Amino acid sequence: MAVPANRRQMGELGQRIATTGNGRDITRPFVQGLQQPRDPRLLRAVDWGVYDRILEDDQVFSTLQQRRGAVVSRDWNVVPGNEDDPRSVAAADALRENLLRIGWDRITDKMLFAPFYGYAVAELLWAPMNGRIEFENIHVRHARRFRFNDSGELRLITRDNMTRGEALPDRKFWVVAAGGSDDDELYGRGLAEWLYWPALFKRNGVRFWNNFTDRYSTPTALGKYRAGTSDAEIDKLLAALQAFATDSGIAVPDGMAIELMHVAQGGSITNFETLCRYMDAAISKVVLSQTMTTDDGASLSQAQVHAGVKLEVVKSDADLLSDGFNAGPARWFTDLNFGTDVASPRVMRDIEEELDTKHQAETDAVLAQIGWVRTEESFRDTYGDGYQRTTDAVADIGASAPRNVNLEQDEQPGQASLAEAVGPDVPPIDSSREDLPGYVASRVLAATDEQIAAYAAEGLLSALATAGDSDDLDDILAFRMHRDTRDDPLYQALHRASFAMRLDIDTGGEPIA
């Protein structure tokens, strides 16, 4: 039986020990007043303009816009913290209406700069309305205007108080930090820290590229004069060279020569372009963790993999923002209006991979042929509203149930039948190619609901519906055997069936001795 801790023990357990103030953090300089970011480029910097300039890069802007837009474009909802508590349900409804009124997508888009800078700060403007204390608005401020003191409290930096900052009221500012490896890094570690060098190298590369193009896009005129030529004659030559760049015809004194300098054919331009492309790819990998949603890819399969990586990044952004809001403003909203004992609502974004409805419809058609149909709720969740089931369709589904094939298969002594390979409840099958659809249907019916769902998600069911003979079946299964399927009874049974069919065809139907 556990012994309850006394008050002294509870006080010790609840006390913060590994604080960062008063020089207790040996990983950073002595902190007195305001804590400084660990990023060396921001150390003791008042203005973070060095990172604002990075946003001027076209690739940085494109990738950040893609990352933020992927979050904002998804639907959001507010769910009760406790669905069994009417007060929690009412709190969720009230918060949803409040966020709709002030524009939650607009706020989300601006707060999603937290991954870029490391953290973002928003000011909550409270006002009495609708019989409650609600958000009149939420203004996202520039993060560089704020610092944390040695106690971890947020401070506003002003011209009158640059060293310690102004104290801020409680439940007034919402802070989201991103990228830090520990909770001691209150400022987070923004993507800008890793984008600094790629953006700088690209900026310089483009500048050199422009200079090179400006100088060598057209031949450069070269004038030559003999030794001892007077300054007046040299000036005439320079004037002629300048006129050459703008006029179609020029006149030069007798004895002076003008030649055209061409750039040597080589890889100079290619080198500049390669540098800029390399830096663009580096920027894409930093922001999106992949490159193929911004640049050309090698294949569709690789593009799908890269798109999946981007989806994971986008989902992490949505969860980070939702978690910060739910732990802060959503909790404060509930405390002020419904009580501290009420579970606060949760704001959530639906960040899931978009469903391929064509592929899903093909899978549903195959499932209908073996007797599996969606419920009304599942159909609406998958395809949306605006559809109505017809009675003819229901009759067709019933008529398309699989037939029960009860012909025995020739077996050799000591060998298990194909039916036994997948279980005693599976009906025997005929190994002729005409009964292939019936065999496939019977094997799918013998699988569990979880296996059927996995086969449907993998696209196997819709592919099997197109199989006409054992060759087709071999091709489909061989293409999809990219993973370890030794323990998968359906895969193994279908492969054995295809092998038995092929032997039966080759021997003319005679048993194999």
Protein backbone atom coordinates (compact mmCIF):
# COMPACT_ATOMS: atom_id res chain seq x y z
CA MET A 1 0.00 0.00 0.00
CA ALA A 2 1.43 3.37 -1.05
CA VAL A 3 2.15 5.83 1.73
CA PRO A 4 0.95 9.37 0.95
CA ALA A 5 3.68 11.98 0.86
CA ASN A 6 3.64 14.58 3.60
CA ARG A 7 3.38 18.28 2.89
CA ARG A 8 7.12 18.83 3.14
CA GLN A 9 7.80 16.15 0.56
CA MET A 10 5.12 17.55 -1.73
CA GLY A 11 6.65 21.00 -1.43
CA GLU A 12 10.06 19.66 -2.42
CA LEU A 13 8.65 17.69 -5.36
CA GLY A 14 6.75 20.71 -6.67
CA GLN A 15 9.71 23.10 -6.41
CA ARG A 16 11.70 24.10 -9.51
CA ILE A 17 15.37 23.29 -9.08
CA ALA A 18 17.06 23.32 -12.52
CA THR A 19 16.22 26.95 -13.26
CA THR A 20 18.11 29.13 -15.76
CA GLY A 21 18.34 32.34 -13.72
CA ASN A 22 21.03 33.57 -11.33
CA GLY A 23 23.77 31.79 -13.26
CA ARG A 24 22.48 28.28 -12.46
CA ASP A 25 22.54 27.28 -16.14
CA ILE A 26 26.16 26.43 -16.94
CA THR A 27 25.43 26.20 -20.69
CA ARG A 28 24.91 29.95 -21.10
CA PRO A 29 26.39 33.18 -19.76
CA PHE A 30 25.23 34.56 -16.43
CA VAL A 31 21.65 35.75 -16.82
CA GLN A 32 20.62 38.94 -15.09
CA GLY A 33 17.64 40.82 -16.43
CA LEU A 34 16.70 39.47 -19.85
CA GLN A 35 17.61 36.04 -21.18
CA GLN A 36 19.33 35.94 -24.55
CA PRO A 37 18.71 33.45 -27.38
CA ARG A 38 21.29 30.75 -27.96
CA ASP A 39 21.46 31.66 -31.64
CA PRO A 40 24.76 33.58 -31.94
CA ARG A 41 23.34 35.88 -34.63
CA LEU A 42 20.62 37.04 -32.25
CA LEU A 43 22.75 37.25 -29.13
CA ARG A 44 22.14 40.67 -27.53
CA ALA A 45 20.54 41.88 -30.77
CA VAL A 46 17.68 44.34 -30.42
CA ASP A 47 16.52 44.02 -34.02
CA TRP A 48 16.17 40.67 -35.79
CA GLY A 49 16.28 42.28 -39.23
CA VAL A 50 18.98 39.83 -40.26
CA TYR A 51 16.28 37.16 -40.40
CA ASP A 52 13.59 39.42 -41.86
CA ARG A 53 15.75 39.74 -44.98
CA ILE A 54 15.66 35.97 -45.47
CA LEU A 55 11.93 36.25 -46.13
CA GLU A 56 12.74 38.24 -49.28
CA ASP A 57 14.14 35.11 -50.95
CA ASP A 58 11.66 33.69 -53.46
CA GLN A 59 12.28 30.06 -52.47
CA VAL A 60 11.94 30.83 -48.77
CA PHE A 61 8.71 32.71 -49.40
CA SER A 62 7.32 29.92 -51.60
CA THR A 63 8.14 27.09 -49.19
CA LEU A 64 6.90 28.95 -46.11
CA GLN A 65 3.71 29.90 -47.93
CA GLN A 66 3.25 26.26 -48.90
CA ARG A 67 3.79 25.13 -45.33
CA ARG A 68 1.47 27.71 -43.77
CA GLY A 69 -1.15 27.44 -46.49
CA ALA A 70 -1.36 23.67 -46.09
CA VAL A 71 -2.41 24.21 -42.46
CA VAL A 72 -4.77 27.15 -42.96
CA SER A 73 -6.55 25.50 -45.90
CA ARG A 74 -7.71 22.56 -43.76
CA ASP A 75 -10.96 22.57 -41.83
CA TRP A 76 -10.87 23.21 -38.09
CA ASN A 77 -13.26 22.54 -35.26
CA VAL A 78 -13.64 23.05 -31.52
CA VAL A 79 -14.53 19.92 -29.56
CA PRO A 80 -15.55 19.73 -25.89
CA GLY A 81 -12.98 18.66 -23.37
CA ASN A 82 -15.65 16.44 -21.79
CA GLU A 83 -18.58 15.51 -24.01
CA ASP A 84 -20.53 14.19 -21.02
CA ASP A 85 -20.46 17.59 -19.29
CA PRO A 86 -23.02 20.09 -20.69
CA ARG A 87 -20.87 22.97 -19.45
CA SER A 88 -17.89 21.74 -21.44
CA VAL A 89 -20.07 21.37 -24.53
CA ALA A 90 -21.39 24.92 -24.05
CA ALA A 91 -17.81 26.20 -23.65
CA ALA A 92 -16.82 24.56 -26.94
CA ASP A 93 -19.79 26.08 -28.77
CA ALA A 94 -19.05 29.54 -27.37
CA LEU A 95 -15.35 29.37 -28.24
CA ARG A 96 -16.13 28.14 -31.77
CA GLU A 97 -18.46 31.09 -32.39
CA ASN A 98 -15.87 33.48 -30.95
CA LEU A 99 -13.04 32.20 -33.17
CA LEU A 100 -15.27 32.29 -36.25
CA ARG A 101 -16.09 35.92 -35.56
CA ILE A 102 -12.49 37.10 -35.17
CA GLY A 103 -11.05 34.96 -38.00
CA TRP A 104 -9.16 31.94 -36.71
CA ASP A 105 -7.52 31.24 -40.08
CA ARG A 106 -6.01 34.74 -40.18
CA ILE A 107 -4.59 34.31 -36.69
CA THR A 108 -3.29 30.83 -37.51
CA ASP A 109 -1.48 32.04 -40.63
CA LYS A 110 0.43 34.70 -38.68
CA MET A 111 1.22 32.50 -35.68
CA LEU A 112 2.69 29.90 -38.04
CA PHE A 113 5.74 32.14 -38.36
CA ALA A 114 6.77 30.64 -35.02
CA PRO A 115 8.66 27.79 -36.75
CA PHE A 116 10.53 30.42 -38.81
CA TYR A 117 11.57 32.82 -36.02
CA GLY A 118 11.55 30.27 -33.20
CA TYR A 119 8.57 31.70 -31.38
CA ALA A 120 5.53 33.89 -31.97
CA VAL A 121 3.58 36.17 -29.63
CA ALA A 122 -0.06 37.21 -29.87
CA GLU A 123 -1.89 39.78 -27.74
CA LEU A 124 -5.36 38.81 -26.55
CA LEU A 125 -7.91 41.64 -26.47
CA TRP A 126 -10.71 40.69 -24.06
CA ALA A 127 -14.12 42.38 -24.05
CA PRO A 128 -17.56 41.70 -22.51
CA MET A 129 -19.98 40.47 -25.19
CA ASN A 130 -22.80 37.94 -25.49
CA GLY A 131 -23.00 37.78 -21.70
CA ARG A 132 -19.42 36.50 -21.50
CA ILE A 133 -15.83 37.73 -21.54
CA GLU A 134 -14.69 36.88 -25.05
CA PHE A 135 -11.89 37.63 -27.47
CA GLU A 136 -12.62 40.93 -29.17
CA ASN A 137 -9.58 40.23 -31.31
CA ILE A 138 -6.20 38.49 -31.27
CA HIS A 139 -3.30 40.53 -32.66
CA VAL A 140 -0.08 38.73 -33.59
CA ARG A 141 2.93 40.91 -32.73
CA HIS A 142 6.48 40.69 -34.01
CA ALA A 143 8.43 38.30 -31.81
CA ARG A 144 11.53 40.52 -31.70
CA ARG A 145 9.60 43.02 -29.56
CA PHE A 146 9.55 40.58 -26.65
CA ARG A 147 12.11 38.94 -24.38
CA PHE A 148 11.99 36.65 -21.35
CA ASN A 149 13.53 37.63 -18.03
CA ASP A 150 15.60 35.36 -15.81
CA SER A 151 12.38 34.00 -14.26
CA GLY A 152 10.94 33.03 -17.64
CA GLU A 153 8.36 35.83 -17.67
CA LEU A 154 7.54 37.59 -20.92
CA ARG A 155 8.65 41.23 -21.18
CA LEU A 156 7.89 43.91 -23.78
CA ILE A 157 10.98 45.80 -24.99
CA THR A 158 10.38 49.55 -25.37
CA ARG A 159 12.64 52.53 -25.95
CA ASP A 160 12.14 53.57 -22.34
CA ASN A 161 13.02 50.15 -20.98
CA MET A 162 15.51 48.32 -23.16
CA THR A 163 17.40 46.40 -20.47
CA ARG A 164 14.61 44.77 -18.47
CA GLY A 165 11.46 45.31 -20.50
CA GLU A 166 7.97 46.16 -19.30
CA ALA A 167 6.04 43.71 -17.15
CA LEU A 168 2.93 42.27 -18.83
CA PRO A 169 -0.38 41.23 -17.25
CA ASP A 170 -1.32 37.60 -16.84
CA ARG A 171 -3.52 35.86 -19.46
CA LYS A 172 -2.89 38.67 -21.89
CA PHE A 173 -0.27 37.23 -24.26
CA TRP A 174 -0.15 33.86 -26.00
CA VAL A 175 3.32 32.50 -26.81
CA VAL A 176 4.16 29.57 -29.11
CA ALA A 177 7.77 28.34 -29.22
CA ALA A 178 9.09 25.91 -31.84
CA GLY A 179 12.31 24.08 -32.62
CA GLY A 180 13.97 24.17 -29.22
CA SER A 181 15.67 21.00 -28.03
CA ASP A 182 14.67 21.65 -24.41
CA ASP A 183 12.37 23.82 -22.29
CA ASP A 184 15.28 26.02 -21.22
CA GLU A 185 15.32 27.52 -24.73
CA LEU A 186 12.36 29.86 -24.29
CA TYR A 187 12.97 31.50 -27.65
CA GLY A 188 12.93 28.23 -29.57
CA ARG A 189 15.24 27.63 -32.53
CA GLY A 190 13.73 28.94 -35.73
CA LEU A 191 14.18 27.70 -39.28
CA ALA A 192 15.74 31.09 -40.04
CA GLU A 193 18.87 29.97 -38.21
CA TRP A 194 19.38 27.16 -40.75
CA LEU A 195 18.16 29.23 -43.70
CA TYR A 196 20.65 32.02 -43.11
CA TRP A 197 23.59 30.54 -45.03
CA PRO A 198 21.68 29.02 -47.99
CA ALA A 199 19.82 32.31 -48.50
CA LEU A 200 23.06 34.32 -48.22
CA PHE A 201 25.00 32.10 -50.63
CA LYS A 202 22.13 32.16 -53.11
CA ARG A 203 21.81 35.95 -52.85
CA ASN A 204 25.53 36.40 -53.58
CA GLY A 205 25.42 33.80 -56.33
CA VAL A 206 22.55 35.61 -58.08
CA ARG A 207 24.44 38.91 -57.75
CA PHE A 208 27.58 37.47 -59.34
CA TRP A 209 25.46 35.77 -62.00
CA ASN A 210 23.83 39.11 -62.91
CA ASN A 211 27.20 40.82 -63.11
CA PHE A 212 28.53 38.06 -65.31
CA THR A 213 25.49 38.20 -67.59
CA ASP A 214 25.60 41.99 -67.81
CA ARG A 215 29.26 41.93 -68.76
CA TYR A 216 29.28 39.02 -71.19
CA SER A 217 25.76 38.89 -72.62
CA THR A 218 27.10 41.06 -75.47
CA PRO A 219 30.74 41.27 -76.61
CA THR A 220 32.86 43.89 -74.86
CA ALA A 221 34.60 46.43 -77.13
CA LEU A 222 38.36 46.61 -76.68
CA GLY A 223 40.29 49.63 -78.00
CA LYS A 224 44.05 49.61 -78.45
CA TYR A 225 46.41 52.58 -78.76
CA ARG A 226 50.12 52.84 -79.42
CA ALA A 227 52.61 53.80 -76.77
CA GLY A 228 53.04 57.56 -76.51
CA THR A 229 49.47 58.31 -77.56
CA SER A 230 48.31 61.58 -76.05
CA ASP A 231 45.56 61.80 -73.47
CA ALA A 232 43.37 63.63 -75.94
CA GLU A 233 43.63 60.74 -78.38
CA ILE A 234 42.92 58.20 -75.64
CA ASP A 235 39.79 60.16 -74.68
CA LYS A 236 38.66 60.01 -78.31
CA LEU A 237 39.13 56.22 -78.24
CA LEU A 238 37.12 55.85 -75.01
CA ALA A 239 34.36 57.99 -76.49
CA ALA A 240 34.30 55.73 -79.53
CA LEU A 241 34.07 52.65 -77.30
CA GLN A 242 31.16 54.14 -75.36
CA ALA A 243 29.41 55.02 -78.59
CA PHE A 244 29.93 51.44 -79.78
CA ALA A 245 27.73 50.16 -76.96
CA THR A 246 24.72 52.27 -78.03
CA ASP A 247 25.13 53.29 -81.68
CA SER A 248 24.96 51.17 -84.77
CA GLY A 249 27.91 52.92 -86.39
CA ILE A 250 30.99 54.75 -85.07
CA ALA A 251 34.05 56.53 -86.45
CA VAL A 252 37.55 56.12 -85.02
CA PRO A 253 40.78 57.96 -85.83
CA ASP A 254 43.14 56.38 -88.30
CA GLY A 255 45.58 54.07 -86.59
CA MET A 256 43.22 53.14 -83.70
CA ALA A 257 41.76 49.63 -83.50
CA ILE A 258 38.62 48.28 -81.83
CA GLU A 259 38.18 44.56 -81.15
CA LEU A 260 35.35 42.56 -79.60
CA MET A 261 36.00 40.41 -76.51
CA HIS A 262 33.87 37.25 -76.29
CA VAL A 263 33.50 35.21 -73.15
CA ALA A 264 35.14 31.82 -73.40
CA GLN A 265 32.64 29.03 -73.93
CA GLY A 266 32.58 27.01 -70.75
CA GLY A 267 30.73 26.28 -67.56
CA SER A 268 30.70 29.71 -65.96
CA ILE A 269 26.97 30.27 -66.38
CA THR A 270 26.25 26.64 -65.53
CA ASN A 271 28.23 26.97 -62.31
CA PHE A 272 26.18 29.97 -61.18
CA GLU A 273 22.93 28.19 -62.02
CA THR A 274 24.03 25.02 -60.23
CA LEU A 275 24.89 26.99 -57.11
CA CYS A 276 21.49 28.71 -57.02
CA ARG A 277 19.63 25.46 -57.66
CA TYR A 278 21.59 23.75 -54.90
CA MET A 279 20.70 26.50 -52.45
CA ASP A 280 17.04 26.35 -53.49
CA ALA A 281 17.05 22.61 -52.76
CA ALA A 282 18.71 23.24 -49.39
CA ILE A 283 16.03 25.80 -48.52
CA SER A 284 13.27 23.36 -49.49
CA LYS A 285 14.77 20.64 -47.32
CA VAL A 286 15.05 22.98 -44.34
CA VAL A 287 11.46 24.28 -44.59
CA LEU A 288 9.57 21.26 -45.97
CA SER A 289 12.01 18.40 -45.23
CA GLN A 290 11.82 17.46 -48.94
CA THR A 291 12.24 19.04 -52.37
CA MET A 292 9.76 17.56 -54.83
CA THR A 293 6.74 19.71 -53.95
CA THR A 294 8.72 22.76 -55.11
CA ASP A 295 11.05 21.32 -57.76
CA ASP A 296 10.83 18.78 -60.57
CA GLY A 297 10.97 15.17 -59.47
CA ALA A 298 12.15 11.91 -60.99
CA SER A 299 8.98 9.82 -60.68
CA LEU A 300 5.42 9.80 -59.42
CA SER A 301 6.25 7.35 -56.63
CA GLN A 302 9.04 9.58 -55.31
CA ALA A 303 6.76 12.61 -55.51
CA GLN A 304 4.16 10.77 -53.43
CA VAL A 305 6.77 9.91 -50.81
CA HIS A 306 7.94 13.54 -50.66
CA ALA A 307 4.34 14.76 -50.41
CA GLY A 308 3.85 12.42 -47.46
CA VAL A 309 6.90 13.89 -45.74
CA LYS A 310 5.51 17.38 -46.25
CA LEU A 311 2.18 16.25 -44.78
CA GLU A 312 3.95 15.13 -41.60
CA VAL A 313 5.62 18.55 -41.28
CA VAL A 314 2.31 20.34 -41.83
CA LYS A 315 0.55 18.16 -39.27
CA SER A 316 3.24 18.88 -36.70
CA ASP A 317 2.72 22.64 -37.26
CA ALA A 318 -1.04 22.29 -36.77
CA ASP A 319 -0.62 20.21 -33.61
CA LEU A 320 1.97 22.62 -32.19
CA LEU A 321 -0.32 25.60 -32.64
CA SER A 322 -3.42 23.79 -31.36
CA ASP A 323 -1.63 22.47 -28.28
CA GLY A 324 -0.35 25.95 -27.41
CA PHE A 325 -3.76 27.56 -27.82
CA ASN A 326 -5.59 24.80 -25.93
CA ALA A 327 -3.21 25.01 -22.97
CA GLY A 328 -3.38 28.82 -22.88
CA PRO A 329 -6.20 30.97 -24.34
CA ALA A 330 -8.75 28.13 -24.53
CA ARG A 331 -8.15 27.33 -20.85
CA TRP A 332 -8.36 31.01 -19.87
CA PHE A 333 -11.58 31.45 -21.87
CA THR A 334 -13.16 28.53 -20.00
CA ASP A 335 -11.98 29.71 -16.57
CA LEU A 336 -13.43 33.21 -17.05
CA ASN A 337 -16.79 32.10 -18.42
CA PHE A 338 -17.59 28.58 -17.22
CA GLY A 339 -15.39 27.89 -14.19
CA THR A 340 -12.00 26.40 -13.44
CA ASP A 341 -13.52 22.96 -12.86
CA VAL A 342 -14.84 22.68 -16.44
CA ALA A 343 -12.76 20.80 -19.00
CA SER A 344 -11.61 23.36 -21.55
CA PRO A 345 -12.47 22.85 -25.26
CA ARG A 346 -9.84 21.84 -27.78
CA VAL A 347 -9.24 23.52 -31.13
CA MET A 348 -8.21 20.97 -33.76
CA ARG A 349 -7.22 20.98 -37.44
CA ASP A 350 -8.08 18.06 -39.71
CA ILE A 351 -4.69 17.39 -41.31
CA GLU A 352 -5.05 14.10 -43.10
CA GLU A 353 -4.05 12.88 -46.54
CA GLU A 354 -6.75 13.65 -49.07
CA LEU A 355 -8.66 10.54 -50.12
CA ASP A 356 -8.48 9.35 -53.71
CA THR A 357 -12.23 8.96 -54.22
CA LYS A 358 -11.82 7.19 -57.57
CA HIS A 359 -9.59 4.53 -56.03
CA GLN A 360 -11.92 4.28 -53.04
CA ALA A 361 -14.96 3.86 -55.30
CA GLU A 362 -13.24 1.01 -57.14
CA THR A 363 -12.46 -0.66 -53.83
CA ASP A 364 -16.06 -0.23 -52.65
CA ALA A 365 -17.29 -1.83 -55.89
CA VAL A 366 -15.12 -4.91 -55.29
CA LEU A 367 -16.27 -5.13 -51.67
CA ALA A 368 -19.90 -4.90 -52.81
CA GLN A 369 -19.36 -7.92 -55.08
CA ILE A 370 -18.40 -10.02 -52.06
CA GLY A 371 -21.20 -8.70 -49.86
CA TRP A 372 -19.63 -5.74 -48.02
CA VAL A 373 -21.28 -2.32 -48.28
CA ARG A 374 -20.71 0.96 -46.46
CA THR A 375 -23.05 2.34 -43.85
CA GLU A 376 -24.79 5.65 -44.56
CA GLU A 377 -22.52 7.45 -42.10
CA SER A 378 -19.34 5.97 -43.59
CA PHE A 379 -20.48 6.89 -47.10
CA ARG A 380 -21.08 10.53 -46.13
CA ASP A 381 -17.74 10.73 -44.33
CA THR A 382 -15.93 9.42 -47.42
CA TYR A 383 -17.78 11.02 -50.33
CA GLY A 384 -19.62 13.91 -48.70
CA ASP A 385 -23.26 14.93 -48.89
CA GLY A 386 -25.45 15.21 -51.96
CA TYR A 387 -25.88 11.50 -52.73
CA GLN A 388 -28.98 9.33 -52.47
CA ARG A 389 -29.06 5.52 -52.63
CA THR A 390 -31.41 3.98 -55.19
CA THR A 391 -33.34 0.74 -54.64
CA ASP A 392 -31.95 -0.69 -57.89
CA ALA A 393 -28.42 -0.34 -56.55
CA VAL A 394 -29.33 -2.26 -53.40
CA ALA A 395 -30.82 -5.07 -55.50
CA ASP A 396 -27.71 -5.19 -57.68
CA ILE A 397 -25.50 -5.51 -54.62
CA GLY A 398 -27.52 -8.48 -53.36
CA ALA A 399 -27.38 -10.14 -56.76
CA SER A 400 -23.62 -9.78 -56.98
CA ALA A 401 -22.87 -11.93 -53.91
CA PRO A 402 -20.12 -14.47 -54.59
CA ARG A 403 -21.02 -17.99 -55.57
CA ASN A 404 -20.03 -20.92 -53.39
CA VAL A 405 -17.76 -23.21 -55.38
CA ASN A 406 -17.68 -26.74 -53.96
CA LEU A 407 -15.47 -28.69 -56.34
CA GLU A 408 -12.59 -30.67 -54.89
CA GLN A 409 -8.99 -30.12 -55.97
CA ASP A 410 -6.64 -32.96 -56.80
CA GLU A 411 -4.01 -33.34 -54.12
CA GLN A 412 -0.94 -35.46 -53.63
CA PRO A 413 -0.63 -37.61 -50.52
CA GLY A 414 0.87 -35.74 -47.62
CA GLN A 415 0.17 -32.30 -49.12
CA ALA A 416 -2.27 -29.81 -47.62
CA SER A 417 -5.08 -28.46 -49.79
CA LEU A 418 -5.33 -24.77 -50.61
CA ALA A 419 -8.48 -24.57 -48.53
CA GLU A 420 -6.59 -25.93 -45.53
CA ALA A 421 -3.87 -23.34 -46.08
CA VAL A 422 -6.24 -20.54 -45.15
CA GLY A 423 -8.52 -22.32 -42.70
CA PRO A 424 -11.25 -24.97 -42.51
CA ASP A 425 -14.14 -22.53 -43.11
CA VAL A 426 -13.03 -21.65 -46.64
CA PRO A 427 -14.90 -23.62 -49.36
CA PRO A 428 -12.87 -25.83 -51.74
CA ILE A 429 -12.12 -24.38 -55.15
CA ASP A 430 -11.74 -25.45 -58.73
CA SER A 431 -8.32 -24.64 -60.18
CA SER A 432 -9.67 -23.71 -63.64
CA ARG A 433 -9.28 -20.13 -64.79
CA GLU A 434 -13.07 -19.71 -65.19
CA ASP A 435 -13.54 -19.94 -61.41
CA LEU A 436 -10.83 -17.43 -60.54
CA PRO A 437 -13.24 -14.59 -59.60
CA GLY A 438 -15.21 -16.94 -57.34
CA TYR A 439 -12.02 -18.17 -55.71
CA VAL A 440 -10.74 -14.66 -55.06
CA ALA A 441 -14.10 -13.68 -53.55
CA SER A 442 -14.16 -16.73 -51.27
CA ARG A 443 -10.64 -16.06 -50.00
CA VAL A 444 -11.40 -12.41 -49.26
CA LEU A 445 -14.54 -13.41 -47.37
CA ALA A 446 -12.43 -15.76 -45.26
CA ALA A 447 -10.20 -12.89 -44.17
CA THR A 448 -10.80 -10.83 -41.05
CA ASP A 449 -12.29 -7.33 -41.11
CA GLU A 450 -8.86 -5.89 -40.29
CA GLN A 451 -7.25 -7.77 -43.17
CA ILE A 452 -9.97 -6.65 -45.60
CA ALA A 453 -9.44 -3.03 -44.53
CA ALA A 454 -5.69 -3.42 -45.07
CA TYR A 455 -6.18 -4.99 -48.50
CA ALA A 456 -8.57 -2.18 -49.48
CA ALA A 457 -6.16 0.51 -48.29
CA GLU A 458 -3.36 -1.12 -50.26
CA GLY A 459 -5.50 -1.19 -53.42
CA LEU A 460 -5.33 -4.99 -53.67
CA LEU A 461 -9.08 -5.55 -53.88
CA SER A 462 -9.65 -3.17 -56.77
CA ALA A 463 -6.65 -4.70 -58.58
CA LEU A 464 -7.88 -8.27 -58.08
CA ALA A 465 -11.22 -7.34 -59.64
CA THR A 466 -9.40 -6.91 -62.97
CA ALA A 467 -7.70 -10.34 -62.87
CA GLY A 468 -8.87 -12.57 -65.73
CA ASP A 469 -6.55 -15.56 -65.38
CA SER A 470 -3.64 -16.90 -63.39
CA ASP A 471 -1.16 -14.70 -65.32
CA ASP A 472 -3.02 -11.57 -64.26
CA LEU A 473 -3.18 -12.82 -60.71
CA ASP A 474 0.59 -13.46 -60.72
CA ASP A 475 1.32 -9.99 -62.05
CA ILE A 476 -0.89 -8.27 -59.48
CA LEU A 477 0.49 -10.18 -56.51
CA ALA A 478 4.11 -9.95 -57.66
CA PHE A 479 3.79 -6.18 -58.03
CA ARG A 480 2.37 -5.83 -54.53
CA MET A 481 4.70 -8.28 -52.77
CA HIS A 482 7.11 -5.44 -51.92
CA ARG A 483 6.77 -6.13 -48.22
CA ASP A 484 7.21 -9.27 -46.10
CA THR A 485 3.97 -11.22 -46.57
CA ARG A 486 5.03 -14.66 -45.38
CA ASP A 487 2.50 -14.48 -42.54
CA ASP A 488 -0.33 -13.14 -44.71
CA PRO A 489 -2.73 -16.07 -45.44
CA LEU A 490 -4.56 -14.33 -48.28
CA TYR A 491 -1.40 -13.48 -50.21
CA GLN A 492 0.00 -16.99 -49.74
CA ALA A 493 -3.28 -18.71 -50.62
CA LEU A 494 -3.67 -16.70 -53.82
CA HIS A 495 -0.08 -17.42 -54.85
CA ARG A 496 -0.60 -21.17 -54.29
CA ALA A 497 -3.84 -21.00 -56.25
CA SER A 498 -2.12 -19.31 -59.18
CA PHE A 499 0.60 -21.99 -59.14
CA ALA A 500 -1.98 -24.80 -59.01
CA MET A 501 -3.96 -23.25 -61.88
CA ARG A 502 -0.83 -23.00 -64.00
CA LEU A 503 0.07 -26.67 -63.38
CA ASP A 504 -3.49 -27.73 -64.12
CA ILE A 505 -3.49 -25.85 -67.41
CA ASP A 506 -0.08 -27.15 -68.48
CA THR A 507 -1.01 -30.80 -67.81
CA GLY A 508 -4.37 -30.60 -69.52
CA GLY A 509 -6.26 -31.18 -66.31
CA GLU A 510 -4.55 -34.49 -65.49
CA PRO A 511 -3.40 -35.07 -61.91
CA ILE A 512 0.32 -34.54 -61.31
CA ALA A 513 2.13 -37.79 -60.52
